[in-house]
Amino acid sequence: MTGARTLVVGATGMIGGLTARMAAGRGASLALAGRDGERLAERSRLLGDCPYRAFDAYDLDGCAALAPWAAQALGGLDTLVVAIGVAGFGRAEQVGEAAAEHLMTVNALAPMAVVRGALPVLEAAGTVVVVTGIIVDKPPLETADYAASKTALAAWLGVVRREQRKRGLRVVDVRMPHLDGGFADRAVTGSPPRLPAGADPARAVEEYVLGPLDAAGV
């Protein structure tokens, strides 16, 4: 990834933070975006004072503006990694409308806005990597709204991938496995069902996020 101009959205989270650190170790030129401004500033300092911007997932215009900002800050944009989301659990009749809206906004509408804003500024042979999750393929009980939000994003990415194919832009939907990082325990609603042992986060990021970038020759 030497010299690859890369925006990591969700850089204050576990997956995004690991991605940023590993990409920097491979020589990427980074810009970071995340929700927590203080943590974002700290991670920027640790990664050589790279440019960073805080954003709110409910500000969809702000989400769409992230890639144009990063392209200006980095002198162009080759790679976009989007790793934002929130978990939510409970039987369909137990999930409140506010929680359902939150899940759809953070897990689907916000990532869509980020990618939509990036498409005009990414280089033609660039790569978009968006984390959805294994829940798209194997949703357990008591995850109807959570699974619906991630599946909506996955369906949208599938169409975008086909739309961008002739241009040479690569769009990767990362079905990340359940990780041993406490993500499910920070759910916006409900408690997680019994889950299998989680995968090691660093190994998963290496395989599922950085792997596609290696394959693309980024």
N, C-alpha and C. Protein backbone atom coordinates (compact mmCIF):
# COMPACT_ATOMS: atom_id res chain seq x y z
N MET A 1 0.82 -1.21 0.00
CA MET A 1 0.00 0.00 0.00
C MET A 1 0.85 1.26 0.00
N THR A 2 2.09 1.13 -0.31
CA THR A 2 2.99 2.28 -0.26
C THR A 2 2.46 3.42 -1.12
N GLY A 3 2.21 4.55 -0.47
CA GLY A 3 1.76 5.74 -1.17
C GLY A 3 0.28 5.78 -1.49
N ALA A 4 -0.46 4.71 -1.23
CA ALA A 4 -1.90 4.69 -1.54
C ALA A 4 -2.63 5.70 -0.67
N ARG A 5 -3.32 6.64 -1.29
CA ARG A 5 -4.04 7.68 -0.56
C ARG A 5 -5.36 7.09 -0.08
N THR A 6 -5.46 6.92 1.23
CA THR A 6 -6.49 6.07 1.82
C THR A 6 -7.27 6.82 2.89
N LEU A 7 -8.60 6.80 2.77
CA LEU A 7 -9.48 7.33 3.79
C LEU A 7 -10.07 6.18 4.58
N VAL A 8 -9.91 6.19 5.90
CA VAL A 8 -10.51 5.19 6.78
C VAL A 8 -11.63 5.88 7.56
N VAL A 9 -12.85 5.48 7.30
CA VAL A 9 -14.02 6.04 7.99
C VAL A 9 -14.44 5.05 9.07
N GLY A 10 -14.48 5.54 10.30
CA GLY A 10 -14.69 4.67 11.45
C GLY A 10 -13.37 4.38 12.15
N ALA A 11 -12.44 5.32 12.03
CA ALA A 11 -11.08 5.10 12.53
C ALA A 11 -10.98 5.11 14.05
N THR A 12 -12.04 5.52 14.75
CA THR A 12 -12.00 5.45 16.21
C THR A 12 -12.57 4.14 16.74
N GLY A 13 -13.09 3.30 15.84
CA GLY A 13 -13.59 2.00 16.25
C GLY A 13 -12.51 0.95 16.19
N MET A 14 -12.87 -0.27 16.59
CA MET A 14 -11.88 -1.35 16.65
C MET A 14 -11.39 -1.73 15.24
N ILE A 15 -12.32 -2.00 14.32
CA ILE A 15 -11.93 -2.43 12.99
C ILE A 15 -11.23 -1.30 12.24
N GLY A 16 -11.82 -0.12 12.28
CA GLY A 16 -11.22 1.01 11.59
C GLY A 16 -9.88 1.40 12.16
N GLY A 17 -9.75 1.34 13.49
CA GLY A 17 -8.48 1.68 14.11
C GLY A 17 -7.37 0.71 13.73
N LEU A 18 -7.70 -0.58 13.74
CA LEU A 18 -6.71 -1.58 13.33
C LEU A 18 -6.35 -1.42 11.86
N THR A 19 -7.36 -1.14 11.03
CA THR A 19 -7.10 -0.94 9.61
C THR A 19 -6.16 0.22 9.38
N ALA A 20 -6.42 1.33 10.07
CA ALA A 20 -5.57 2.51 9.90
C ALA A 20 -4.14 2.22 10.31
N ARG A 21 -3.98 1.56 11.44
CA ARG A 21 -2.62 1.26 11.93
C ARG A 21 -1.88 0.33 10.98
N MET A 22 -2.57 -0.71 10.51
CA MET A 22 -1.92 -1.67 9.61
C MET A 22 -1.63 -1.05 8.25
N ALA A 23 -2.56 -0.24 7.75
CA ALA A 23 -2.34 0.42 6.46
C ALA A 23 -1.17 1.39 6.54
N ALA A 24 -1.06 2.11 7.66
CA ALA A 24 0.07 3.01 7.84
C ALA A 24 1.37 2.22 7.86
N GLY A 25 1.35 1.05 8.50
CA GLY A 25 2.54 0.22 8.54
C GLY A 25 2.96 -0.29 7.17
N ARG A 26 2.02 -0.32 6.25
CA ARG A 26 2.32 -0.76 4.88
C ARG A 26 2.62 0.42 3.96
N GLY A 27 2.69 1.61 4.53
CA GLY A 27 3.10 2.76 3.74
C GLY A 27 2.00 3.58 3.13
N ALA A 28 0.74 3.35 3.53
CA ALA A 28 -0.36 4.14 2.98
C ALA A 28 -0.29 5.58 3.48
N SER A 29 -0.79 6.48 2.67
CA SER A 29 -0.95 7.88 3.04
C SER A 29 -2.39 8.04 3.53
N LEU A 30 -2.57 8.33 4.82
CA LEU A 30 -3.88 8.20 5.45
C LEU A 30 -4.58 9.52 5.71
N ALA A 31 -5.92 9.45 5.66
CA ALA A 31 -6.82 10.44 6.25
C ALA A 31 -7.81 9.64 7.10
N LEU A 32 -8.17 10.17 8.25
CA LEU A 32 -9.02 9.45 9.19
C LEU A 32 -10.31 10.21 9.43
N ALA A 33 -11.40 9.47 9.62
CA ALA A 33 -12.67 10.06 9.99
C ALA A 33 -13.31 9.18 11.05
N GLY A 34 -13.95 9.81 12.03
CA GLY A 34 -14.58 9.06 13.09
C GLY A 34 -15.51 9.94 13.91
N ARG A 35 -16.21 9.32 14.84
CA ARG A 35 -17.20 10.03 15.63
C ARG A 35 -16.59 10.78 16.81
N ASP A 36 -15.61 10.19 17.46
CA ASP A 36 -15.02 10.75 18.68
C ASP A 36 -13.82 11.62 18.32
N GLY A 37 -13.99 12.93 18.40
CA GLY A 37 -12.94 13.85 17.99
C GLY A 37 -11.65 13.70 18.77
N GLU A 38 -11.74 13.48 20.09
CA GLU A 38 -10.54 13.36 20.91
C GLU A 38 -9.76 12.09 20.56
N ARG A 39 -10.45 10.98 20.43
CA ARG A 39 -9.77 9.73 20.06
C ARG A 39 -9.20 9.83 18.65
N LEU A 40 -9.91 10.53 17.80
CA LEU A 40 -9.45 10.69 16.42
C LEU A 40 -8.14 11.48 16.39
N ALA A 41 -8.09 12.56 17.17
CA ALA A 41 -6.87 13.37 17.22
C ALA A 41 -5.70 12.56 17.77
N GLU A 42 -5.98 11.72 18.77
CA GLU A 42 -4.93 10.88 19.34
C GLU A 42 -4.41 9.88 18.31
N ARG A 43 -5.32 9.25 17.57
CA ARG A 43 -4.88 8.28 16.57
C ARG A 43 -4.13 8.96 15.43
N SER A 44 -4.54 10.17 15.10
CA SER A 44 -3.81 10.92 14.08
C SER A 44 -2.38 11.17 14.52
N ARG A 45 -2.19 11.54 15.77
CA ARG A 45 -0.83 11.80 16.28
C ARG A 45 0.01 10.53 16.23
N LEU A 46 -0.59 9.40 16.61
CA LEU A 46 0.15 8.14 16.61
C LEU A 46 0.53 7.69 15.20
N LEU A 47 -0.21 8.19 14.21
CA LEU A 47 0.04 7.78 12.82
C LEU A 47 0.67 8.90 12.01
N GLY A 48 1.46 9.72 12.67
CA GLY A 48 2.24 10.73 11.95
C GLY A 48 1.51 12.02 11.66
N ASP A 49 0.52 12.35 12.50
CA ASP A 49 -0.24 13.59 12.32
C ASP A 49 -0.94 13.65 10.96
N CYS A 50 -1.57 12.56 10.58
CA CYS A 50 -2.31 12.54 9.33
C CYS A 50 -3.59 13.36 9.47
N PRO A 51 -4.15 13.86 8.38
CA PRO A 51 -5.37 14.66 8.47
C PRO A 51 -6.54 13.84 9.02
N TYR A 52 -7.43 14.50 9.74
CA TYR A 52 -8.58 13.79 10.30
C TYR A 52 -9.78 14.73 10.37
N ARG A 53 -10.95 14.14 10.41
CA ARG A 53 -12.19 14.90 10.51
C ARG A 53 -13.22 14.10 11.29
N ALA A 54 -13.86 14.74 12.28
CA ALA A 54 -14.95 14.10 13.02
C ALA A 54 -16.26 14.28 12.26
N PHE A 55 -17.15 13.31 12.39
CA PHE A 55 -18.44 13.39 11.72
C PHE A 55 -19.50 12.68 12.55
N ASP A 56 -20.76 12.96 12.24
CA ASP A 56 -21.91 12.32 12.89
C ASP A 56 -22.65 11.52 11.83
N ALA A 57 -22.95 10.27 12.12
CA ALA A 57 -23.62 9.41 11.14
C ALA A 57 -24.99 9.95 10.74
N TYR A 58 -25.63 10.73 11.61
CA TYR A 58 -26.94 11.30 11.28
C TYR A 58 -26.82 12.49 10.33
N ASP A 59 -25.64 13.02 10.16
CA ASP A 59 -25.41 14.12 9.21
C ASP A 59 -24.98 13.49 7.88
N LEU A 60 -25.97 13.12 7.07
CA LEU A 60 -25.65 12.39 5.84
C LEU A 60 -24.90 13.26 4.84
N ASP A 61 -25.20 14.55 4.82
CA ASP A 61 -24.43 15.45 3.95
C ASP A 61 -22.97 15.50 4.40
N GLY A 62 -22.77 15.50 5.73
CA GLY A 62 -21.40 15.46 6.26
C GLY A 62 -20.69 14.17 5.92
N CYS A 63 -21.43 13.06 5.92
CA CYS A 63 -20.84 11.78 5.53
C CYS A 63 -20.41 11.82 4.06
N ALA A 64 -21.26 12.38 3.21
CA ALA A 64 -20.95 12.45 1.78
C ALA A 64 -19.77 13.37 1.50
N ALA A 65 -19.50 14.30 2.41
CA ALA A 65 -18.41 15.25 2.20
C ALA A 65 -17.05 14.72 2.63
N LEU A 66 -17.01 13.55 3.28
CA LEU A 66 -15.74 13.06 3.81
C LEU A 66 -14.72 12.75 2.72
N ALA A 67 -15.13 12.04 1.69
CA ALA A 67 -14.17 11.67 0.63
C ALA A 67 -13.66 12.88 -0.14
N PRO A 68 -14.50 13.84 -0.52
CA PRO A 68 -13.97 15.04 -1.16
C PRO A 68 -12.97 15.78 -0.28
N TRP A 69 -13.26 15.83 1.03
CA TRP A 69 -12.30 16.46 1.96
C TRP A 69 -10.98 15.70 1.96
N ALA A 70 -11.04 14.35 2.05
CA ALA A 70 -9.82 13.54 2.09
C ALA A 70 -9.04 13.67 0.79
N ALA A 71 -9.74 13.69 -0.34
CA ALA A 71 -9.06 13.82 -1.63
C ALA A 71 -8.31 15.15 -1.71
N GLN A 72 -8.90 16.19 -1.17
CA GLN A 72 -8.22 17.48 -1.17
C GLN A 72 -7.02 17.45 -0.22
N ALA A 73 -7.19 16.83 0.95
CA ALA A 73 -6.12 16.80 1.94
C ALA A 73 -4.95 15.93 1.48
N LEU A 74 -5.23 14.87 0.73
CA LEU A 74 -4.19 13.91 0.33
C LEU A 74 -3.71 14.11 -1.10
N GLY A 75 -4.34 15.02 -1.83
CA GLY A 75 -3.96 15.22 -3.22
C GLY A 75 -4.53 14.16 -4.13
N GLY A 76 -5.66 13.58 -3.75
CA GLY A 76 -6.31 12.52 -4.51
C GLY A 76 -6.72 11.40 -3.57
N LEU A 77 -7.49 10.45 -4.09
CA LEU A 77 -7.96 9.35 -3.25
C LEU A 77 -7.95 8.05 -4.05
N ASP A 78 -7.22 7.06 -3.54
CA ASP A 78 -7.12 5.75 -4.18
C ASP A 78 -7.98 4.69 -3.51
N THR A 79 -8.14 4.81 -2.19
CA THR A 79 -8.78 3.74 -1.43
C THR A 79 -9.70 4.34 -0.37
N LEU A 80 -10.88 3.74 -0.23
CA LEU A 80 -11.81 4.10 0.84
C LEU A 80 -12.14 2.86 1.63
N VAL A 81 -12.00 2.95 2.95
CA VAL A 81 -12.41 1.86 3.85
C VAL A 81 -13.48 2.42 4.78
N VAL A 82 -14.65 1.78 4.81
CA VAL A 82 -15.75 2.22 5.67
C VAL A 82 -16.03 1.12 6.68
N ALA A 83 -15.83 1.44 7.95
CA ALA A 83 -16.02 0.46 9.02
C ALA A 83 -16.80 1.11 10.15
N ILE A 84 -18.05 1.46 9.86
CA ILE A 84 -18.91 2.07 10.89
C ILE A 84 -20.15 1.20 11.06
N GLY A 85 -20.71 1.21 12.25
CA GLY A 85 -21.91 0.44 12.49
C GLY A 85 -22.19 0.27 13.96
N VAL A 86 -23.38 -0.23 14.25
CA VAL A 86 -23.80 -0.46 15.62
C VAL A 86 -24.67 -1.71 15.64
N ALA A 87 -24.59 -2.47 16.73
CA ALA A 87 -25.39 -3.68 16.87
C ALA A 87 -26.71 -3.37 17.57
N GLY A 88 -27.68 -4.22 17.37
CA GLY A 88 -28.97 -4.10 18.06
C GLY A 88 -29.65 -5.45 18.09
N PHE A 89 -30.27 -5.77 19.22
CA PHE A 89 -30.85 -7.11 19.39
C PHE A 89 -32.25 -7.01 19.98
N GLY A 90 -32.99 -8.10 19.84
CA GLY A 90 -34.34 -8.19 20.37
C GLY A 90 -35.30 -8.69 19.32
N ARG A 91 -36.36 -9.37 19.77
CA ARG A 91 -37.41 -9.80 18.86
C ARG A 91 -38.01 -8.58 18.17
N ALA A 92 -38.53 -8.78 16.98
CA ALA A 92 -39.02 -7.65 16.18
C ALA A 92 -40.01 -6.79 16.95
N GLU A 93 -40.91 -7.41 17.74
CA GLU A 93 -41.91 -6.64 18.46
C GLU A 93 -41.34 -5.91 19.67
N GLN A 94 -40.10 -6.22 20.04
CA GLN A 94 -39.48 -5.59 21.20
C GLN A 94 -38.59 -4.40 20.85
N VAL A 95 -38.27 -4.25 19.59
CA VAL A 95 -37.37 -3.17 19.17
C VAL A 95 -38.18 -1.91 18.92
N GLY A 96 -37.84 -0.84 19.62
CA GLY A 96 -38.56 0.41 19.45
C GLY A 96 -38.24 1.07 18.12
N GLU A 97 -39.12 1.96 17.70
CA GLU A 97 -38.93 2.62 16.41
C GLU A 97 -37.68 3.50 16.39
N ALA A 98 -37.36 4.13 17.51
CA ALA A 98 -36.16 4.97 17.56
C ALA A 98 -34.91 4.12 17.37
N ALA A 99 -34.88 2.94 18.01
CA ALA A 99 -33.73 2.05 17.86
C ALA A 99 -33.65 1.51 16.43
N ALA A 100 -34.80 1.17 15.83
CA ALA A 100 -34.82 0.67 14.47
C ALA A 100 -34.30 1.74 13.50
N GLU A 101 -34.72 2.98 13.71
CA GLU A 101 -34.23 4.07 12.86
C GLU A 101 -32.73 4.27 13.03
N HIS A 102 -32.27 4.17 14.27
CA HIS A 102 -30.84 4.34 14.53
C HIS A 102 -30.03 3.27 13.81
N LEU A 103 -30.47 2.04 13.88
CA LEU A 103 -29.76 0.95 13.22
C LEU A 103 -29.70 1.18 11.71
N MET A 104 -30.81 1.58 11.11
CA MET A 104 -30.83 1.78 9.66
C MET A 104 -29.97 2.97 9.25
N THR A 105 -29.97 4.01 10.07
CA THR A 105 -29.18 5.20 9.73
C THR A 105 -27.69 4.91 9.83
N VAL A 106 -27.26 4.35 10.95
CA VAL A 106 -25.83 4.16 11.18
C VAL A 106 -25.27 3.02 10.34
N ASN A 107 -26.05 1.95 10.17
CA ASN A 107 -25.54 0.77 9.47
C ASN A 107 -25.74 0.81 7.96
N ALA A 108 -26.68 1.60 7.48
CA ALA A 108 -26.96 1.61 6.04
C ALA A 108 -26.85 2.99 5.42
N LEU A 109 -27.66 3.94 5.87
CA LEU A 109 -27.70 5.25 5.20
C LEU A 109 -26.38 6.00 5.30
N ALA A 110 -25.74 5.96 6.46
CA ALA A 110 -24.47 6.68 6.61
C ALA A 110 -23.36 6.09 5.74
N PRO A 111 -23.13 4.76 5.76
CA PRO A 111 -22.12 4.21 4.86
C PRO A 111 -22.44 4.46 3.39
N MET A 112 -23.72 4.37 3.03
CA MET A 112 -24.10 4.67 1.65
C MET A 112 -23.72 6.09 1.27
N ALA A 113 -23.98 7.03 2.17
CA ALA A 113 -23.66 8.43 1.90
C ALA A 113 -22.16 8.62 1.74
N VAL A 114 -21.37 7.94 2.57
CA VAL A 114 -19.91 8.05 2.46
C VAL A 114 -19.45 7.57 1.09
N VAL A 115 -19.93 6.40 0.68
CA VAL A 115 -19.52 5.83 -0.60
C VAL A 115 -20.04 6.68 -1.75
N ARG A 116 -21.28 7.14 -1.66
CA ARG A 116 -21.85 7.97 -2.72
C ARG A 116 -21.01 9.23 -2.95
N GLY A 117 -20.57 9.84 -1.85
CA GLY A 117 -19.73 11.02 -1.96
C GLY A 117 -18.35 10.72 -2.49
N ALA A 118 -17.90 9.47 -2.32
CA ALA A 118 -16.55 9.09 -2.74
C ALA A 118 -16.47 8.75 -4.22
N LEU A 119 -17.55 8.26 -4.80
CA LEU A 119 -17.49 7.76 -6.18
C LEU A 119 -16.97 8.79 -7.18
N PRO A 120 -17.36 10.06 -7.10
CA PRO A 120 -16.86 11.02 -8.08
C PRO A 120 -15.39 11.39 -7.90
N VAL A 121 -14.82 11.15 -6.70
CA VAL A 121 -13.45 11.62 -6.46
C VAL A 121 -12.42 10.50 -6.42
N LEU A 122 -12.87 9.25 -6.31
CA LEU A 122 -11.92 8.13 -6.31
C LEU A 122 -11.28 7.97 -7.68
N GLU A 123 -10.02 7.59 -7.67
CA GLU A 123 -9.34 7.30 -8.92
C GLU A 123 -10.03 6.12 -9.62
N ALA A 124 -9.97 6.09 -10.93
CA ALA A 124 -10.72 5.10 -11.72
C ALA A 124 -10.38 3.66 -11.33
N ALA A 125 -9.13 3.41 -10.97
CA ALA A 125 -8.73 2.05 -10.58
C ALA A 125 -8.71 1.89 -9.06
N GLY A 126 -9.47 2.71 -8.36
CA GLY A 126 -9.47 2.70 -6.91
C GLY A 126 -10.25 1.53 -6.33
N THR A 127 -10.25 1.47 -5.00
CA THR A 127 -10.91 0.38 -4.29
C THR A 127 -11.74 0.93 -3.13
N VAL A 128 -12.96 0.43 -3.02
CA VAL A 128 -13.85 0.74 -1.90
C VAL A 128 -14.06 -0.54 -1.10
N VAL A 129 -13.76 -0.49 0.18
CA VAL A 129 -13.96 -1.64 1.06
C VAL A 129 -14.93 -1.22 2.16
N VAL A 130 -16.07 -1.90 2.24
CA VAL A 130 -17.10 -1.57 3.23
C VAL A 130 -17.40 -2.81 4.07
N VAL A 131 -17.35 -2.65 5.39
CA VAL A 131 -17.60 -3.77 6.30
C VAL A 131 -19.10 -3.90 6.54
N THR A 132 -19.67 -5.04 6.16
CA THR A 132 -21.06 -5.35 6.52
C THR A 132 -21.05 -6.37 7.66
N GLY A 133 -20.78 -7.63 7.35
CA GLY A 133 -20.67 -8.62 8.42
C GLY A 133 -21.34 -9.93 8.05
N ILE A 134 -20.99 -10.94 8.79
CA ILE A 134 -21.52 -12.29 8.57
C ILE A 134 -23.02 -12.34 8.82
N ILE A 135 -23.54 -11.35 9.54
CA ILE A 135 -24.98 -11.31 9.83
C ILE A 135 -25.81 -11.22 8.56
N VAL A 136 -25.23 -10.71 7.48
CA VAL A 136 -25.94 -10.65 6.20
C VAL A 136 -26.28 -12.05 5.71
N ASP A 137 -25.37 -12.98 5.90
CA ASP A 137 -25.55 -14.35 5.41
C ASP A 137 -26.19 -15.28 6.44
N LYS A 138 -25.92 -15.04 7.71
CA LYS A 138 -26.40 -15.94 8.75
C LYS A 138 -26.98 -15.15 9.92
N PRO A 139 -28.14 -14.51 9.73
CA PRO A 139 -28.72 -13.72 10.83
C PRO A 139 -29.38 -14.62 11.87
N PRO A 140 -28.93 -14.56 13.12
CA PRO A 140 -29.60 -15.35 14.15
C PRO A 140 -30.93 -14.73 14.56
N LEU A 141 -31.71 -15.46 15.33
CA LEU A 141 -32.94 -14.91 15.88
C LEU A 141 -32.62 -13.69 16.74
N GLU A 142 -33.60 -12.81 16.85
CA GLU A 142 -33.49 -11.59 17.65
C GLU A 142 -32.52 -10.58 17.06
N THR A 143 -32.37 -10.64 15.73
CA THR A 143 -31.52 -9.64 15.05
C THR A 143 -32.22 -9.07 13.81
N ALA A 144 -33.55 -9.12 13.76
CA ALA A 144 -34.27 -8.75 12.53
C ALA A 144 -33.90 -7.35 12.04
N ASP A 145 -33.95 -6.36 12.93
CA ASP A 145 -33.67 -4.99 12.50
C ASP A 145 -32.19 -4.78 12.23
N TYR A 146 -31.35 -5.36 13.05
CA TYR A 146 -29.90 -5.27 12.85
C TYR A 146 -29.53 -5.90 11.51
N ALA A 147 -30.03 -7.12 11.26
CA ALA A 147 -29.72 -7.81 10.01
C ALA A 147 -30.28 -7.05 8.81
N ALA A 148 -31.47 -6.49 8.95
CA ALA A 148 -32.09 -5.75 7.84
C ALA A 148 -31.23 -4.55 7.44
N SER A 149 -30.68 -3.85 8.42
CA SER A 149 -29.87 -2.67 8.10
C SER A 149 -28.59 -3.06 7.38
N LYS A 150 -27.94 -4.11 7.83
CA LYS A 150 -26.71 -4.55 7.17
C LYS A 150 -26.98 -5.16 5.80
N THR A 151 -28.10 -5.86 5.67
CA THR A 151 -28.46 -6.46 4.39
C THR A 151 -28.82 -5.38 3.37
N ALA A 152 -29.46 -4.31 3.83
CA ALA A 152 -29.75 -3.19 2.93
C ALA A 152 -28.47 -2.61 2.36
N LEU A 153 -27.48 -2.44 3.23
CA LEU A 153 -26.19 -1.93 2.77
C LEU A 153 -25.54 -2.89 1.78
N ALA A 154 -25.59 -4.19 2.08
CA ALA A 154 -24.98 -5.19 1.20
C ALA A 154 -25.64 -5.19 -0.17
N ALA A 155 -26.97 -5.09 -0.20
CA ALA A 155 -27.67 -5.06 -1.49
C ALA A 155 -27.28 -3.83 -2.30
N TRP A 156 -27.19 -2.71 -1.63
CA TRP A 156 -26.81 -1.46 -2.30
C TRP A 156 -25.40 -1.56 -2.87
N LEU A 157 -24.49 -2.11 -2.08
CA LEU A 157 -23.11 -2.27 -2.54
C LEU A 157 -23.03 -3.20 -3.75
N GLY A 158 -23.87 -4.22 -3.77
CA GLY A 158 -23.85 -5.14 -4.89
C GLY A 158 -24.20 -4.45 -6.21
N VAL A 159 -25.17 -3.56 -6.17
CA VAL A 159 -25.53 -2.82 -7.38
C VAL A 159 -24.44 -1.82 -7.75
N VAL A 160 -23.91 -1.13 -6.75
CA VAL A 160 -22.83 -0.16 -7.01
C VAL A 160 -21.63 -0.86 -7.63
N ARG A 161 -21.31 -2.06 -7.15
CA ARG A 161 -20.19 -2.81 -7.71
C ARG A 161 -20.37 -3.02 -9.21
N ARG A 162 -21.58 -3.41 -9.61
CA ARG A 162 -21.85 -3.64 -11.03
C ARG A 162 -21.82 -2.33 -11.82
N GLU A 163 -22.33 -1.27 -11.22
CA GLU A 163 -22.33 0.03 -11.91
C GLU A 163 -20.92 0.54 -12.18
N GLN A 164 -20.00 0.27 -11.26
CA GLN A 164 -18.65 0.82 -11.35
C GLN A 164 -17.66 -0.10 -12.06
N ARG A 165 -18.10 -1.29 -12.46
CA ARG A 165 -17.18 -2.29 -13.00
C ARG A 165 -16.47 -1.80 -14.26
N LYS A 166 -17.21 -1.21 -15.18
CA LYS A 166 -16.58 -0.75 -16.43
C LYS A 166 -15.56 0.35 -16.17
N ARG A 167 -15.79 1.11 -15.15
CA ARG A 167 -14.86 2.18 -14.80
C ARG A 167 -13.56 1.64 -14.22
N GLY A 168 -13.60 0.41 -13.69
CA GLY A 168 -12.43 -0.18 -13.07
C GLY A 168 -12.36 0.02 -11.57
N LEU A 169 -13.40 0.64 -11.00
CA LEU A 169 -13.44 0.84 -9.55
C LEU A 169 -13.91 -0.44 -8.88
N ARG A 170 -13.16 -0.90 -7.91
CA ARG A 170 -13.46 -2.16 -7.22
C ARG A 170 -14.23 -1.87 -5.94
N VAL A 171 -15.37 -2.53 -5.75
CA VAL A 171 -16.21 -2.35 -4.56
C VAL A 171 -16.29 -3.69 -3.84
N VAL A 172 -15.82 -3.72 -2.61
CA VAL A 172 -15.72 -4.96 -1.84
C VAL A 172 -16.63 -4.89 -0.62
N ASP A 173 -17.52 -5.86 -0.50
CA ASP A 173 -18.41 -6.00 0.65
C ASP A 173 -17.77 -7.02 1.58
N VAL A 174 -17.32 -6.56 2.73
CA VAL A 174 -16.58 -7.42 3.66
C VAL A 174 -17.54 -8.03 4.67
N ARG A 175 -17.76 -9.32 4.57
CA ARG A 175 -18.63 -10.05 5.50
C ARG A 175 -17.78 -10.50 6.70
N MET A 176 -17.42 -9.54 7.51
CA MET A 176 -16.55 -9.80 8.67
C MET A 176 -17.21 -10.79 9.63
N PRO A 177 -16.46 -11.79 10.12
CA PRO A 177 -17.03 -12.71 11.11
C PRO A 177 -17.22 -12.02 12.45
N HIS A 178 -17.93 -12.70 13.35
CA HIS A 178 -18.05 -12.21 14.72
C HIS A 178 -16.66 -12.12 15.34
N LEU A 179 -16.36 -10.96 15.96
CA LEU A 179 -15.03 -10.74 16.49
C LEU A 179 -15.03 -10.72 18.02
N ASP A 180 -13.90 -11.04 18.57
CA ASP A 180 -13.71 -10.99 20.02
C ASP A 180 -13.25 -9.59 20.39
N GLY A 181 -14.22 -8.65 20.42
CA GLY A 181 -13.85 -7.27 20.72
C GLY A 181 -14.89 -6.52 21.52
N GLY A 182 -15.99 -7.18 21.90
CA GLY A 182 -17.01 -6.53 22.72
C GLY A 182 -18.01 -5.69 21.96
N PHE A 183 -17.99 -5.74 20.61
CA PHE A 183 -18.90 -4.93 19.81
C PHE A 183 -20.36 -5.23 20.15
N ALA A 184 -20.71 -6.51 20.22
CA ALA A 184 -22.10 -6.89 20.49
C ALA A 184 -22.57 -6.43 21.86
N ASP A 185 -21.65 -6.30 22.80
CA ASP A 185 -22.02 -5.88 24.15
C ASP A 185 -22.32 -4.39 24.24
N ARG A 186 -22.02 -3.65 23.17
CA ARG A 186 -22.30 -2.21 23.15
C ARG A 186 -23.51 -1.92 22.25
N ALA A 187 -24.45 -2.83 22.21
CA ALA A 187 -25.61 -2.71 21.33
C ALA A 187 -26.46 -1.50 21.69
N VAL A 188 -27.10 -0.92 20.69
CA VAL A 188 -27.96 0.23 20.91
C VAL A 188 -29.27 -0.18 21.57
N THR A 189 -29.63 -1.45 21.43
CA THR A 189 -30.83 -1.97 22.07
C THR A 189 -30.68 -3.46 22.29
N GLY A 190 -31.24 -3.98 23.38
CA GLY A 190 -31.25 -5.41 23.64
C GLY A 190 -29.90 -5.97 24.05
N SER A 191 -29.90 -7.26 24.29
CA SER A 191 -28.69 -7.99 24.66
C SER A 191 -28.42 -9.06 23.61
N PRO A 192 -27.16 -9.33 23.32
CA PRO A 192 -26.85 -10.29 22.27
C PRO A 192 -27.29 -11.70 22.64
N PRO A 193 -27.73 -12.49 21.65
CA PRO A 193 -27.99 -13.91 21.90
C PRO A 193 -26.67 -14.62 22.12
N ARG A 194 -26.75 -15.88 22.42
CA ARG A 194 -25.51 -16.65 22.59
C ARG A 194 -24.76 -16.68 21.27
N LEU A 195 -23.53 -16.25 21.30
CA LEU A 195 -22.72 -16.15 20.08
C LEU A 195 -21.53 -17.10 20.16
N PRO A 196 -21.04 -17.56 19.04
CA PRO A 196 -19.83 -18.40 19.05
C PRO A 196 -18.63 -17.59 19.47
N ALA A 197 -17.55 -18.27 19.76
CA ALA A 197 -16.31 -17.57 20.10
C ALA A 197 -15.91 -16.64 18.95
N GLY A 198 -15.49 -15.44 19.31
CA GLY A 198 -15.16 -14.46 18.29
C GLY A 198 -13.76 -14.67 17.72
N ALA A 199 -13.60 -14.25 16.47
CA ALA A 199 -12.29 -14.31 15.82
C ALA A 199 -11.38 -13.21 16.36
N ASP A 200 -10.10 -13.39 16.19
CA ASP A 200 -9.13 -12.38 16.61
C ASP A 200 -9.27 -11.16 15.69
N PRO A 201 -9.50 -9.96 16.25
CA PRO A 201 -9.74 -8.79 15.41
C PRO A 201 -8.60 -8.46 14.46
N ALA A 202 -7.36 -8.51 14.95
CA ALA A 202 -6.23 -8.15 14.09
C ALA A 202 -6.10 -9.12 12.91
N ARG A 203 -6.26 -10.41 13.18
CA ARG A 203 -6.18 -11.39 12.09
C ARG A 203 -7.32 -11.21 11.10
N ALA A 204 -8.52 -10.90 11.61
CA ALA A 204 -9.66 -10.70 10.73
C ALA A 204 -9.48 -9.49 9.84
N VAL A 205 -8.96 -8.40 10.40
CA VAL A 205 -8.71 -7.20 9.59
C VAL A 205 -7.66 -7.50 8.53
N GLU A 206 -6.64 -8.23 8.91
CA GLU A 206 -5.59 -8.60 7.96
C GLU A 206 -6.17 -9.39 6.79
N GLU A 207 -7.05 -10.33 7.09
CA GLU A 207 -7.59 -11.20 6.05
C GLU A 207 -8.71 -10.54 5.24
N TYR A 208 -9.66 -9.93 5.94
CA TYR A 208 -10.89 -9.50 5.28
C TYR A 208 -10.84 -8.06 4.76
N VAL A 209 -10.04 -7.21 5.37
CA VAL A 209 -9.97 -5.81 4.93
C VAL A 209 -8.72 -5.55 4.10
N LEU A 210 -7.57 -5.87 4.66
CA LEU A 210 -6.33 -5.61 3.93
C LEU A 210 -6.10 -6.63 2.82
N GLY A 211 -6.62 -7.84 2.99
CA GLY A 211 -6.48 -8.86 1.94
C GLY A 211 -6.99 -8.40 0.58
N PRO A 212 -8.23 -7.87 0.51
CA PRO A 212 -8.73 -7.38 -0.78
C PRO A 212 -7.89 -6.23 -1.35
N LEU A 213 -7.32 -5.42 -0.47
CA LEU A 213 -6.46 -4.33 -0.97
C LEU A 213 -5.18 -4.88 -1.55
N ASP A 214 -4.62 -5.91 -0.91
CA ASP A 214 -3.43 -6.57 -1.46
C ASP A 214 -3.74 -7.19 -2.81
N ALA A 215 -4.91 -7.83 -2.90
CA ALA A 215 -5.30 -8.48 -4.14
C ALA A 215 -5.48 -7.48 -5.27
N ALA A 216 -5.91 -6.27 -4.89
CA ALA A 216 -6.13 -5.23 -5.89
C ALA A 216 -4.83 -4.53 -6.27
N GLY A 217 -3.74 -4.86 -5.58
CA GLY A 217 -2.46 -4.22 -5.87
C GLY A 217 -2.39 -2.80 -5.39
N VAL A 218 -3.17 -2.49 -4.34
CA VAL A 218 -3.15 -1.12 -3.80
C VAL A 218 -1.84 -0.88 -3.09
